[in-house]
Amino acid sequence: MLQNSAKTTPKPGKLLRKTFFNRSVHEVAPDLIGATLLVDGIGGIIVEVEAYHHTDPAAHSYGGPTPRNAVMFGPPGFSYVYRSYGIHWCVNFVCEQSGSASAVLIRALEPTHGIAVMRRRRGLSDERLLCSGPGKLTEALGITKAHNGLPLDAPPIALYARKTRPEIVTGIRIGISKAIDLPWRYGLRGSKFLSKPFPDRIVRPLRRRHSA
């Protein structure tokens, strides 16, 4: 049986379905902050993401479909996993209607489930460092190319809605050379599990909300 963190963790909300992702990537991205991502029961609370729109030069889909990014051009609610710099896997959630090719990169988690397994996979004990970056969290959760194109609402992946609306901060994205000024990185205000600190600027809640 998987060992959870000793600290008390609020139970996640209800499971998110593909319909959650069938809307603007700029609505989905901040709405994922506070949601819980588990892969084979291992994972935690999403505390940092980045949005990539198909009109964005930094998006993998900007130049059109390729064998690598094909899943981005399909229906929403599926995982897009790619190799970064030939070293780390990164996991994204495909959003918007088929053909839009927009996605949210999951950048950091607060570990809550299966922490002993994550420590073994990452070879370290500090919880703050287990999932504090896109490559770190995929290693901790065991995400590889085998997870590319999998539905986000069926095993081995489970996504649970947040139960309360957190304070969210925004800033420019990290590690890109194009469209570097777009404030499309979102994070949980005050979280110690972020990959990099944010300027203390709170995102105003969007008027149109999704009922998960």
Protein backbone atom coordinates (compact mmCIF):
# COMPACT_ATOMS: atom_id res chain seq x y z
CA MET A 1 0.00 0.00 0.00
CA LEU A 2 1.31 3.45 -0.89
CA GLN A 3 2.65 5.58 1.92
CA ASN A 4 1.34 9.14 2.08
CA SER A 5 2.90 12.15 3.71
CA ALA A 6 2.63 12.26 7.51
CA LYS A 7 1.00 15.66 7.32
CA THR A 8 -2.75 15.93 7.03
CA THR A 9 -3.75 16.60 3.44
CA PRO A 10 -7.26 17.69 2.45
CA LYS A 11 -9.07 15.13 0.36
CA PRO A 12 -9.26 16.18 -3.30
CA GLY A 13 -12.52 17.11 -4.97
CA LYS A 14 -14.35 15.20 -7.66
CA LEU A 15 -12.68 13.77 -10.73
CA LEU A 16 -12.16 16.15 -13.63
CA ARG A 17 -13.45 15.01 -17.02
CA LYS A 18 -12.38 15.86 -20.56
CA THR A 19 -15.02 18.61 -20.74
CA PHE A 20 -12.95 20.57 -18.21
CA PHE A 21 -10.28 21.01 -20.89
CA ASN A 22 -12.65 21.89 -23.75
CA ARG A 23 -12.24 25.66 -23.33
CA SER A 24 -9.59 28.34 -23.57
CA VAL A 25 -6.16 27.31 -22.39
CA HIS A 26 -6.08 30.64 -20.53
CA GLU A 27 -9.07 29.56 -18.45
CA VAL A 28 -7.88 26.00 -17.86
CA ALA A 29 -4.35 26.95 -16.75
CA PRO A 30 -5.27 28.99 -13.64
CA ASP A 31 -8.14 26.61 -12.85
CA LEU A 32 -5.61 23.75 -12.53
CA ILE A 33 -3.85 25.45 -9.62
CA GLY A 34 -4.97 23.56 -6.53
CA ALA A 35 -6.14 20.49 -8.46
CA THR A 36 -4.61 17.12 -7.59
CA LEU A 37 -2.71 15.05 -10.18
CA LEU A 38 -2.06 11.36 -9.51
CA VAL A 39 -0.38 8.77 -11.76
CA ASP A 40 -0.87 5.23 -10.47
CA GLY A 41 -1.76 6.82 -7.14
CA ILE A 42 1.44 8.89 -6.92
CA GLY A 43 1.38 12.70 -7.07
CA GLY A 44 0.12 15.82 -5.42
CA ILE A 45 -1.40 19.28 -5.69
CA ILE A 46 -0.64 21.31 -8.82
CA VAL A 47 1.03 24.54 -7.73
CA GLU A 48 2.54 25.84 -10.99
CA VAL A 49 1.62 25.65 -14.68
CA GLU A 50 2.27 27.45 -17.99
CA ALA A 51 -0.19 28.06 -20.82
CA TYR A 52 0.78 27.58 -24.47
CA HIS A 53 -1.64 28.76 -27.17
CA HIS A 54 -1.38 27.65 -30.80
CA THR A 55 -0.77 31.28 -31.88
CA ASP A 56 2.17 31.47 -29.48
CA PRO A 57 5.64 31.15 -31.12
CA ALA A 58 6.84 29.28 -28.02
CA ALA A 59 4.22 26.54 -28.45
CA HIS A 60 5.35 23.26 -29.98
CA SER A 61 2.31 23.39 -32.25
CA TYR A 62 3.11 26.81 -33.70
CA GLY A 63 4.80 25.40 -36.83
CA GLY A 64 2.08 22.85 -37.52
CA PRO A 65 1.60 19.14 -36.77
CA THR A 66 4.54 16.75 -36.55
CA PRO A 67 4.86 13.17 -35.24
CA ARG A 68 6.14 14.65 -31.97
CA ASN A 69 3.27 17.07 -31.31
CA ALA A 70 0.42 15.20 -33.01
CA VAL A 71 -1.55 14.68 -29.80
CA MET A 72 -1.79 18.47 -29.36
CA PHE A 73 -3.94 18.67 -32.51
CA GLY A 74 -6.41 16.08 -31.25
CA PRO A 75 -9.30 16.43 -28.82
CA PRO A 76 -8.88 18.04 -25.39
CA GLY A 77 -8.35 16.10 -22.19
CA PHE A 78 -5.30 14.07 -23.22
CA SER A 79 -1.67 14.12 -22.10
CA TYR A 80 1.11 15.44 -24.30
CA VAL A 81 4.50 14.17 -23.13
CA TYR A 82 7.76 15.23 -24.77
CA ARG A 83 11.48 15.04 -24.09
CA SER A 84 13.08 18.33 -23.06
CA TYR A 85 16.70 18.91 -24.13
CA GLY A 86 17.00 15.15 -24.61
CA ILE A 87 17.06 14.69 -20.83
CA HIS A 88 13.72 15.20 -19.05
CA TRP A 89 10.14 14.27 -19.85
CA CYS A 90 7.56 17.04 -19.57
CA VAL A 91 3.80 16.53 -19.28
CA ASN A 92 1.15 18.83 -20.74
CA PHE A 93 -2.65 18.76 -20.80
CA VAL A 94 -4.24 19.36 -24.20
CA CYS A 95 -6.95 22.06 -24.19
CA GLU A 96 -9.52 23.64 -26.50
CA GLN A 97 -11.27 22.00 -29.44
CA SER A 98 -9.64 19.52 -31.83
CA GLY A 99 -7.21 21.29 -34.13
CA SER A 100 -6.49 24.15 -31.73
CA ALA A 101 -3.28 22.52 -30.50
CA SER A 102 -3.08 24.42 -27.22
CA ALA A 103 -1.86 22.92 -23.95
CA VAL A 104 -0.91 23.54 -20.32
CA LEU A 105 2.55 22.51 -19.11
CA ILE A 106 2.53 21.16 -15.55
CA ARG A 107 5.56 22.74 -13.87
CA ALA A 108 5.36 21.88 -10.17
CA LEU A 109 3.42 19.87 -7.59
CA GLU A 110 3.18 19.81 -3.82
CA PRO A 111 3.77 16.10 -3.05
CA THR A 112 0.92 14.50 -1.11
CA HIS A 113 0.55 10.88 -2.27
CA GLY A 114 3.25 8.20 -2.42
CA ILE A 115 6.04 10.42 -1.12
CA ALA A 116 8.25 7.43 -0.23
CA VAL A 117 8.02 6.24 -3.84
CA MET A 118 8.86 9.72 -5.13
CA ARG A 119 11.90 9.93 -2.86
CA ARG A 120 13.13 6.60 -4.17
CA ARG A 121 12.67 7.63 -7.78
CA ARG A 122 14.30 11.02 -7.30
CA GLY A 123 17.08 9.84 -4.97
CA LEU A 124 16.50 12.60 -2.43
CA SER A 125 14.41 13.23 0.67
CA ASP A 126 13.54 16.96 0.67
CA GLU A 127 9.83 17.17 -0.24
CA ARG A 128 10.29 20.68 -1.60
CA LEU A 129 12.60 19.36 -4.33
CA LEU A 130 10.68 16.25 -5.36
CA CYS A 131 8.35 17.95 -7.87
CA SER A 132 9.65 21.54 -8.12
CA GLY A 133 10.06 21.56 -11.90
CA PRO A 134 8.55 19.88 -14.97
CA GLY A 135 11.32 17.28 -15.31
CA LYS A 136 11.47 16.61 -11.58
CA LEU A 137 7.74 15.91 -11.27
CA THR A 138 7.66 13.51 -14.23
CA GLU A 139 10.53 11.55 -12.72
CA ALA A 140 8.80 11.51 -9.33
CA LEU A 141 5.49 10.36 -10.84
CA GLY A 142 7.10 7.90 -13.27
CA ILE A 143 5.80 9.73 -16.36
CA THR A 144 7.50 8.76 -19.64
CA LYS A 145 6.75 8.68 -23.36
CA ALA A 146 4.44 5.74 -22.62
CA HIS A 147 2.01 8.25 -21.11
CA ASN A 148 1.84 10.39 -24.24
CA GLY A 149 -1.70 10.52 -25.65
CA LEU A 150 -3.37 8.98 -22.60
CA PRO A 151 -6.76 10.31 -21.43
CA LEU A 152 -6.61 12.49 -18.34
CA ASP A 153 -9.80 11.01 -16.88
CA ALA A 154 -8.88 7.31 -16.92
CA PRO A 155 -6.23 5.13 -15.21
CA PRO A 156 -3.33 5.40 -14.73
CA ILE A 157 -4.00 9.16 -14.61
CA ALA A 158 -6.45 10.77 -12.18
CA LEU A 159 -7.14 14.49 -11.86
CA TYR A 160 -9.22 15.84 -8.99
CA ALA A 161 -10.78 19.31 -8.83
CA ARG A 162 -9.74 21.74 -6.13
CA LYS A 163 -12.35 22.27 -3.42
CA THR A 164 -11.60 25.94 -2.74
CA ARG A 165 -10.39 28.80 -4.91
CA PRO A 166 -6.75 29.60 -4.06
CA GLU A 167 -4.85 32.85 -4.47
CA ILE A 168 -3.01 32.63 -7.78
CA VAL A 169 -0.03 34.64 -8.96
CA THR A 170 1.15 35.09 -12.53
CA GLY A 171 4.43 35.84 -14.26
CA ILE A 172 6.43 35.27 -17.43
CA ARG A 173 7.22 31.74 -18.53
CA ILE A 174 10.56 30.03 -17.89
CA GLY A 175 13.21 28.57 -20.20
CA ILE A 176 11.88 29.83 -23.53
CA SER A 177 13.39 32.19 -26.11
CA LYS A 178 10.19 33.32 -27.89
CA ALA A 179 7.20 35.29 -26.57
CA ILE A 180 9.14 35.70 -23.35
CA ASP A 181 7.08 38.64 -22.09
CA LEU A 182 3.71 36.88 -21.98
CA PRO A 183 2.52 36.46 -18.35
CA TRP A 184 1.22 32.94 -18.91
CA ARG A 185 2.82 31.18 -15.94
CA TYR A 186 0.46 30.63 -13.00
CA GLY A 187 1.25 29.56 -9.48
CA LEU A 188 -0.14 29.07 -6.00
CA ARG A 189 0.67 32.17 -3.98
CA GLY A 190 3.15 31.50 -1.20
CA SER A 191 3.82 27.87 -2.12
CA LYS A 192 7.26 26.56 -1.16
CA PHE A 193 7.03 23.91 -3.88
CA LEU A 194 7.33 26.23 -6.91
CA SER A 195 10.11 25.84 -9.45
CA LYS A 196 10.85 29.57 -9.21
CA PRO A 197 9.33 32.44 -7.19
CA PHE A 198 6.71 34.71 -8.73
CA PRO A 199 6.22 38.45 -8.49
CA ASP A 200 3.46 38.94 -5.93
CA ARG A 201 0.70 39.75 -8.39
CA ILE A 202 -2.67 38.07 -7.79
CA VAL A 203 -4.76 36.93 -10.73
CA ARG A 204 -8.32 38.20 -10.67
CA PRO A 205 -10.86 35.36 -10.90
CA LEU A 206 -12.29 34.87 -14.38
CA ARG A 207 -15.98 35.70 -14.69
CA ARG A 208 -16.85 32.53 -16.59
CA ARG A 209 -16.18 29.53 -14.41
CA HIS A 210 -16.29 25.86 -15.29
CA SER A 211 -18.38 23.44 -13.31
CA ALA A 212 -16.10 20.41 -13.08
